Amino acid sequence: MSSIFAEMKEKGVVSNVITYSALVSACEKGGQPEQAFAIFTEMKQKGVVPDVITYSALVSACEKGKNPEQALEVFKALQSDGSGQ
């Protein structure tokens, strides 16, 4: 997935909440929850604010990774970030 992200950057695609959320979602759909969280972490480090779509993809990644505790943590983060409003 990181090669796609690198190629996007090379082609001048702007990294914003839409592109990051799409990458998180692609990782979720591909059964790569660890990669989804790595992209999410990078997103926040770059100052891009996640939205409810980003968080939804993360919860789905937790479900596919059979990690309900982590899904609950993501949900709590969504509530505390205020992105769910």
N, C-alpha and C. Protein backbone atom coordinates (compact mmCIF):
# COMPACT_ATOMS: atom_id res chain seq x y z
N MET A 1 0.82 -1.19 0.00
CA MET A 1 0.00 0.00 0.00
C MET A 1 0.87 1.26 0.00
N SER A 2 2.00 1.20 0.66
CA SER A 2 2.85 2.38 0.72
C SER A 2 3.38 2.76 -0.66
N SER A 3 3.53 1.79 -1.56
CA SER A 3 3.99 2.12 -2.91
C SER A 3 2.93 2.92 -3.67
N ILE A 4 1.66 2.60 -3.44
CA ILE A 4 0.58 3.38 -4.06
C ILE A 4 0.61 4.80 -3.52
N PHE A 5 0.80 4.93 -2.21
CA PHE A 5 0.85 6.24 -1.59
C PHE A 5 2.03 7.05 -2.12
N ALA A 6 3.17 6.41 -2.27
CA ALA A 6 4.35 7.08 -2.82
C ALA A 6 4.10 7.53 -4.25
N GLU A 7 3.46 6.67 -5.03
CA GLU A 7 3.15 7.03 -6.42
C GLU A 7 2.16 8.20 -6.48
N MET A 8 1.21 8.21 -5.59
CA MET A 8 0.27 9.33 -5.54
C MET A 8 1.01 10.64 -5.28
N LYS A 9 1.93 10.60 -4.34
CA LYS A 9 2.71 11.79 -4.02
C LYS A 9 3.54 12.24 -5.22
N GLU A 10 4.16 11.27 -5.92
CA GLU A 10 4.97 11.58 -7.11
C GLU A 10 4.13 12.25 -8.19
N LYS A 11 2.89 11.84 -8.31
CA LYS A 11 2.01 12.37 -9.35
C LYS A 11 1.31 13.66 -8.92
N GLY A 12 1.62 14.13 -7.72
CA GLY A 12 1.08 15.40 -7.26
C GLY A 12 -0.30 15.34 -6.63
N VAL A 13 -0.75 14.14 -6.28
CA VAL A 13 -2.04 14.02 -5.61
C VAL A 13 -1.91 14.60 -4.21
N VAL A 14 -2.81 15.49 -3.86
CA VAL A 14 -2.77 16.15 -2.57
C VAL A 14 -3.18 15.17 -1.47
N SER A 15 -2.39 15.11 -0.42
CA SER A 15 -2.71 14.27 0.73
C SER A 15 -3.66 15.04 1.62
N ASN A 16 -4.91 14.60 1.63
CA ASN A 16 -5.91 15.24 2.49
C ASN A 16 -6.76 14.15 3.13
N VAL A 17 -7.79 14.54 3.82
CA VAL A 17 -8.61 13.56 4.53
C VAL A 17 -9.22 12.54 3.56
N ILE A 18 -9.51 12.96 2.35
CA ILE A 18 -10.11 12.04 1.37
C ILE A 18 -9.11 10.98 0.94
N THR A 19 -7.89 11.40 0.59
CA THR A 19 -6.90 10.42 0.13
C THR A 19 -6.49 9.48 1.26
N TYR A 20 -6.27 10.04 2.45
CA TYR A 20 -5.90 9.19 3.57
C TYR A 20 -7.03 8.20 3.91
N SER A 21 -8.26 8.68 3.92
CA SER A 21 -9.38 7.80 4.23
C SER A 21 -9.52 6.70 3.20
N ALA A 22 -9.29 7.03 1.93
CA ALA A 22 -9.36 6.01 0.88
C ALA A 22 -8.28 4.95 1.09
N LEU A 23 -7.09 5.37 1.49
CA LEU A 23 -6.02 4.41 1.74
C LEU A 23 -6.32 3.53 2.96
N VAL A 24 -6.84 4.14 4.01
CA VAL A 24 -7.22 3.37 5.20
C VAL A 24 -8.29 2.35 4.81
N SER A 25 -9.26 2.78 4.03
CA SER A 25 -10.33 1.89 3.60
C SER A 25 -9.79 0.75 2.72
N ALA A 26 -8.88 1.07 1.84
CA ALA A 26 -8.29 0.03 0.98
C ALA A 26 -7.55 -1.01 1.82
N CYS A 27 -6.83 -0.56 2.83
CA CYS A 27 -6.13 -1.50 3.72
C CYS A 27 -7.13 -2.36 4.47
N GLU A 28 -8.20 -1.74 4.93
CA GLU A 28 -9.25 -2.49 5.63
C GLU A 28 -9.83 -3.57 4.72
N LYS A 29 -10.16 -3.19 3.51
CA LYS A 29 -10.76 -4.14 2.57
C LYS A 29 -9.76 -5.24 2.17
N GLY A 30 -8.49 -4.91 2.18
CA GLY A 30 -7.45 -5.88 1.85
C GLY A 30 -6.99 -6.72 3.02
N GLY A 31 -7.63 -6.55 4.16
CA GLY A 31 -7.28 -7.36 5.32
C GLY A 31 -5.93 -7.00 5.93
N GLN A 32 -5.58 -5.71 5.87
CA GLN A 32 -4.30 -5.24 6.42
C GLN A 32 -4.55 -4.20 7.51
N PRO A 33 -5.10 -4.62 8.65
CA PRO A 33 -5.42 -3.65 9.69
C PRO A 33 -4.21 -2.90 10.24
N GLU A 34 -3.07 -3.57 10.32
CA GLU A 34 -1.88 -2.89 10.84
C GLU A 34 -1.48 -1.73 9.92
N GLN A 35 -1.55 -1.97 8.62
CA GLN A 35 -1.22 -0.93 7.64
C GLN A 35 -2.24 0.20 7.72
N ALA A 36 -3.50 -0.14 7.94
CA ALA A 36 -4.54 0.90 8.07
C ALA A 36 -4.21 1.82 9.24
N PHE A 37 -3.79 1.24 10.35
CA PHE A 37 -3.44 2.06 11.52
C PHE A 37 -2.16 2.85 11.30
N ALA A 38 -1.23 2.29 10.54
CA ALA A 38 0.01 3.03 10.23
C ALA A 38 -0.31 4.26 9.39
N ILE A 39 -1.20 4.11 8.42
CA ILE A 39 -1.60 5.25 7.59
C ILE A 39 -2.35 6.27 8.44
N PHE A 40 -3.22 5.80 9.32
CA PHE A 40 -3.96 6.69 10.22
C PHE A 40 -3.00 7.49 11.09
N THR A 41 -1.99 6.83 11.62
CA THR A 41 -1.00 7.51 12.46
C THR A 41 -0.25 8.58 11.66
N GLU A 42 0.16 8.22 10.45
CA GLU A 42 0.85 9.20 9.59
C GLU A 42 -0.06 10.39 9.29
N MET A 43 -1.30 10.09 9.02
CA MET A 43 -2.29 11.13 8.73
C MET A 43 -2.34 12.17 9.84
N LYS A 44 -2.45 11.67 11.07
CA LYS A 44 -2.52 12.58 12.22
C LYS A 44 -1.21 13.33 12.42
N GLN A 45 -0.07 12.65 12.19
CA GLN A 45 1.23 13.30 12.32
C GLN A 45 1.40 14.44 11.33
N LYS A 46 0.79 14.28 10.16
CA LYS A 46 0.88 15.31 9.11
C LYS A 46 -0.13 16.43 9.33
N GLY A 47 -0.92 16.32 10.39
CA GLY A 47 -1.89 17.37 10.70
C GLY A 47 -3.20 17.27 9.95
N VAL A 48 -3.44 16.13 9.29
CA VAL A 48 -4.70 15.93 8.60
C VAL A 48 -5.71 15.37 9.60
N VAL A 49 -6.84 16.03 9.73
CA VAL A 49 -7.84 15.65 10.73
C VAL A 49 -8.73 14.54 10.16
N PRO A 50 -8.77 13.39 10.83
CA PRO A 50 -9.62 12.30 10.36
C PRO A 50 -11.10 12.66 10.51
N ASP A 51 -11.92 12.07 9.65
CA ASP A 51 -13.35 12.29 9.74
C ASP A 51 -14.06 10.98 10.07
N VAL A 52 -15.36 11.02 10.09
CA VAL A 52 -16.13 9.83 10.46
C VAL A 52 -15.90 8.68 9.48
N ILE A 53 -15.61 8.98 8.22
CA ILE A 53 -15.33 7.93 7.24
C ILE A 53 -14.02 7.22 7.58
N THR A 54 -13.02 8.00 7.98
CA THR A 54 -11.74 7.42 8.38
C THR A 54 -11.93 6.48 9.57
N TYR A 55 -12.65 6.98 10.57
CA TYR A 55 -12.88 6.17 11.76
C TYR A 55 -13.70 4.92 11.46
N SER A 56 -14.65 5.04 10.58
CA SER A 56 -15.47 3.88 10.19
C SER A 56 -14.60 2.80 9.56
N ALA A 57 -13.69 3.21 8.69
CA ALA A 57 -12.78 2.24 8.06
C ALA A 57 -11.89 1.58 9.10
N LEU A 58 -11.46 2.35 10.10
CA LEU A 58 -10.63 1.77 11.16
C LEU A 58 -11.40 0.75 11.99
N VAL A 59 -12.65 1.06 12.30
CA VAL A 59 -13.47 0.11 13.06
C VAL A 59 -13.64 -1.17 12.24
N SER A 60 -13.87 -1.03 10.95
CA SER A 60 -14.00 -2.21 10.08
C SER A 60 -12.70 -3.00 10.04
N ALA A 61 -11.58 -2.29 10.02
CA ALA A 61 -10.28 -2.98 10.04
C ALA A 61 -10.12 -3.79 11.32
N CYS A 62 -10.57 -3.23 12.43
CA CYS A 62 -10.51 -3.95 13.70
C CYS A 62 -11.39 -5.20 13.65
N GLU A 63 -12.56 -5.05 13.06
CA GLU A 63 -13.48 -6.19 12.94
C GLU A 63 -12.85 -7.29 12.11
N LYS A 64 -12.24 -6.92 10.99
CA LYS A 64 -11.61 -7.94 10.14
C LYS A 64 -10.39 -8.56 10.81
N GLY A 65 -9.74 -7.77 11.65
CA GLY A 65 -8.60 -8.28 12.39
C GLY A 65 -8.99 -8.98 13.68
N LYS A 66 -10.29 -9.12 13.89
CA LYS A 66 -10.83 -9.78 15.09
C LYS A 66 -10.30 -9.15 16.37
N ASN A 67 -10.41 -7.82 16.41
CA ASN A 67 -9.91 -7.09 17.56
C ASN A 67 -10.98 -6.10 18.07
N PRO A 68 -12.00 -6.62 18.77
CA PRO A 68 -13.07 -5.73 19.23
C PRO A 68 -12.62 -4.69 20.24
N GLU A 69 -11.59 -5.02 21.03
CA GLU A 69 -11.11 -4.04 22.01
C GLU A 69 -10.54 -2.81 21.31
N GLN A 70 -9.79 -3.05 20.23
CA GLN A 70 -9.23 -1.94 19.48
C GLN A 70 -10.33 -1.14 18.79
N ALA A 71 -11.37 -1.82 18.32
CA ALA A 71 -12.51 -1.13 17.70
C ALA A 71 -13.16 -0.19 18.70
N LEU A 72 -13.28 -0.62 19.95
CA LEU A 72 -13.85 0.23 20.99
C LEU A 72 -12.96 1.45 21.24
N GLU A 73 -11.65 1.25 21.23
CA GLU A 73 -10.71 2.37 21.40
C GLU A 73 -10.85 3.38 20.26
N VAL A 74 -11.02 2.88 19.04
CA VAL A 74 -11.21 3.77 17.89
C VAL A 74 -12.49 4.56 18.06
N PHE A 75 -13.56 3.89 18.50
CA PHE A 75 -14.83 4.57 18.71
C PHE A 75 -14.71 5.65 19.77
N LYS A 76 -13.99 5.36 20.84
CA LYS A 76 -13.78 6.36 21.90
C LYS A 76 -12.97 7.55 21.36
N ALA A 77 -11.97 7.27 20.52
CA ALA A 77 -11.18 8.34 19.92
C ALA A 77 -12.05 9.22 19.02
N LEU A 78 -12.95 8.60 18.29
CA LEU A 78 -13.88 9.35 17.44
C LEU A 78 -14.70 10.31 18.30
N GLN A 79 -15.20 9.82 19.41
CA GLN A 79 -16.00 10.67 20.29
C GLN A 79 -15.18 11.80 20.89
N SER A 80 -13.97 11.50 21.32
CA SER A 80 -13.15 12.54 21.97
C SER A 80 -12.61 13.56 20.98
N ASP A 81 -12.38 13.12 19.72
CA ASP A 81 -11.90 14.05 18.70
C ASP A 81 -13.01 14.98 18.21
N GLY A 82 -14.24 14.60 18.46
CA GLY A 82 -15.36 15.42 17.99
C GLY A 82 -15.65 15.27 16.51
N SER A 83 -15.04 14.28 15.87
CA SER A 83 -15.22 14.10 14.43
C SER A 83 -16.54 13.43 14.10
N GLY A 84 -17.22 12.92 15.08
CA GLY A 84 -18.45 12.21 14.83
C GLY A 84 -19.68 13.09 14.81
N GLN A 85 -19.49 14.39 14.89
CA GLN A 85 -20.65 15.30 14.94
C GLN A 85 -21.07 15.72 13.57
